[in-house]
Structures are given as C-alpha cells and as structure tokens.
Amino acid sequence: MARPRLRALMAGVLPCSSVSPAIRTSTAGLSEALKQAGGRISESKRQQCFRRSLVTAETAVATLLLVESLLLLKSFSRRAGPSELAAVASGGSDR
C-alpha cells in the first residue's frame, strides 16, 4: 500500500523541482538574472554532477511512470471488453 502513495508523492514533487527555477527567473527578471550570473559562467564539477544526477533521476521517474501507465491500460483492456473501454473513453456508462 505504501508504494502507490510513494509514487504519487514523487509524481507530484519532482515536477515542482523543475518549475521552481522557472518561476524564480520570471519574477526576478531575465536581464537582472543574467547580470547577476555574469561572473559565474561555469559551474563547479560538484554542481554539474548534482545537476546531471537530478536530470537522470527525473528522466528515470518519467520513464517509470510512462511504463506503469501503459501496463495499467493493458491490464484494463484485458479485464474489460472493447465496448466497455469505448464507453469509458466517451465518458458514458453502459451499466
């Protein structure tokens, strides 16, 4: 029971880590942010490694969620007949 909750939490938290820098940049103003970062053009090796690991982790979680959603759809299609799937897709119910 804990695994689905953990996956749901990760699906909600990880996109927020990608959105927060965009929000921060948009509020500070792009030209001001570029002026402040002018002296820090290159990152340290530690920062590069951390950033790469975050990108790798986000890509892995996205791939995992995609595969799990496809497997879920496949199991739904096995349990339900084509007419029931069409009713769900159209938003109606035959029952």
Protein backbone atom coordinates (compact mmCIF):
# COMPACT_ATOMS: atom_id res chain seq x y z
CA MET A 1 0.00 0.00 0.00
CA ALA A 2 2.93 2.33 0.65
CA ARG A 3 4.38 2.02 -2.86
CA PRO A 4 1.47 3.68 -4.72
CA ARG A 5 1.45 6.51 -2.21
CA LEU A 6 5.20 6.98 -2.61
CA ARG A 7 4.87 7.01 -6.40
CA ALA A 8 2.04 9.53 -6.23
CA LEU A 9 4.09 11.73 -3.93
CA MET A 10 7.11 11.53 -6.24
CA ALA A 11 4.95 12.33 -9.25
CA GLY A 12 3.74 15.46 -7.50
CA VAL A 13 7.08 16.58 -6.05
CA LEU A 14 9.52 16.03 -8.90
CA PRO A 15 7.82 18.34 -11.41
CA CYS A 16 7.85 21.08 -8.77
CA SER A 17 11.64 20.88 -8.66
CA SER A 18 11.69 21.73 -12.37
CA VAL A 19 9.14 24.52 -12.14
CA SER A 20 10.61 26.46 -9.23
CA PRO A 21 13.71 27.77 -11.11
CA ALA A 22 11.46 28.97 -13.93
CA ILE A 23 9.21 30.83 -11.51
CA ARG A 24 12.20 32.33 -9.72
CA THR A 25 13.69 33.55 -13.01
CA SER A 26 10.43 35.02 -14.25
CA THR A 27 9.91 37.02 -11.06
CA ALA A 28 13.47 38.35 -10.87
CA GLY A 29 13.55 39.49 -14.47
CA LEU A 30 15.67 37.82 -17.09
CA SER A 31 18.11 40.68 -17.69
CA GLU A 32 18.73 41.11 -13.96
CA ALA A 33 19.37 37.39 -13.54
CA LEU A 34 21.83 37.44 -16.44
CA LYS A 35 23.68 40.41 -14.94
CA GLN A 36 23.97 38.68 -11.58
CA ALA A 37 25.18 35.43 -13.11
CA GLY A 38 27.73 37.16 -15.35
CA GLY A 39 30.62 36.34 -13.05
CA ARG A 40 29.52 32.72 -12.58
CA ILE A 41 29.59 31.40 -16.10
CA SER A 42 30.96 27.96 -15.30
CA GLU A 43 29.76 25.59 -12.60
CA SER A 44 31.93 23.52 -10.33
CA LYS A 45 32.29 19.81 -11.01
CA ARG A 46 30.16 19.08 -7.96
CA GLN A 47 27.31 21.27 -9.23
CA GLN A 48 27.50 19.69 -12.69
CA CYS A 49 27.38 16.20 -11.19
CA PHE A 50 24.41 17.11 -8.98
CA ARG A 51 22.53 18.68 -11.89
CA ARG A 52 23.18 15.66 -14.13
CA SER A 53 22.01 13.29 -11.41
CA LEU A 54 18.78 15.28 -10.99
CA VAL A 55 18.12 15.16 -14.73
CA THR A 56 18.82 11.43 -14.74
CA ALA A 57 16.51 10.85 -11.78
CA GLU A 58 13.68 12.88 -13.34
CA THR A 59 14.07 11.02 -16.64
CA ALA A 60 14.03 7.67 -14.85
CA VAL A 61 10.89 8.55 -12.88
CA ALA A 62 9.15 9.85 -16.00
CA THR A 63 10.01 6.65 -17.86
CA LEU A 64 8.83 4.54 -14.93
CA LEU A 65 5.51 6.39 -14.77
CA LEU A 66 5.04 6.03 -18.52
CA VAL A 67 5.69 2.28 -18.43
CA GLU A 68 3.41 1.82 -15.43
CA SER A 69 0.59 3.75 -17.07
CA LEU A 70 0.92 1.65 -20.22
CA LEU A 71 0.83 -1.54 -18.16
CA LEU A 72 -2.24 -0.26 -16.32
CA LEU A 73 -4.00 0.44 -19.62
CA LYS A 74 -3.02 -3.02 -20.85
CA SER A 75 -4.49 -4.66 -17.74
CA PHE A 76 -7.68 -2.62 -18.12
CA SER A 77 -8.03 -3.75 -21.70
CA ARG A 78 -7.65 -7.40 -20.65
CA ARG A 79 -10.31 -7.17 -17.95
CA ALA A 80 -12.80 -5.04 -19.83
CA GLY A 81 -14.12 -5.74 -23.28
CA PRO A 82 -13.76 -3.30 -26.18
CA SER A 83 -17.32 -1.98 -25.70
CA GLU A 84 -16.65 -1.14 -22.04
CA LEU A 85 -13.41 0.63 -22.96
CA ALA A 86 -15.22 2.66 -25.60
CA ALA A 87 -17.87 3.65 -23.05
CA VAL A 88 -15.19 4.80 -20.61
CA ALA A 89 -13.37 6.73 -23.33
CA SER A 90 -16.57 8.51 -24.34
CA GLY A 91 -17.44 9.34 -20.74
CA GLY A 92 -20.63 7.31 -20.72
CA SER A 93 -21.58 4.19 -18.87
CA ASP A 94 -23.44 1.14 -20.13
CA ARG A 95 -24.36 -0.02 -16.62
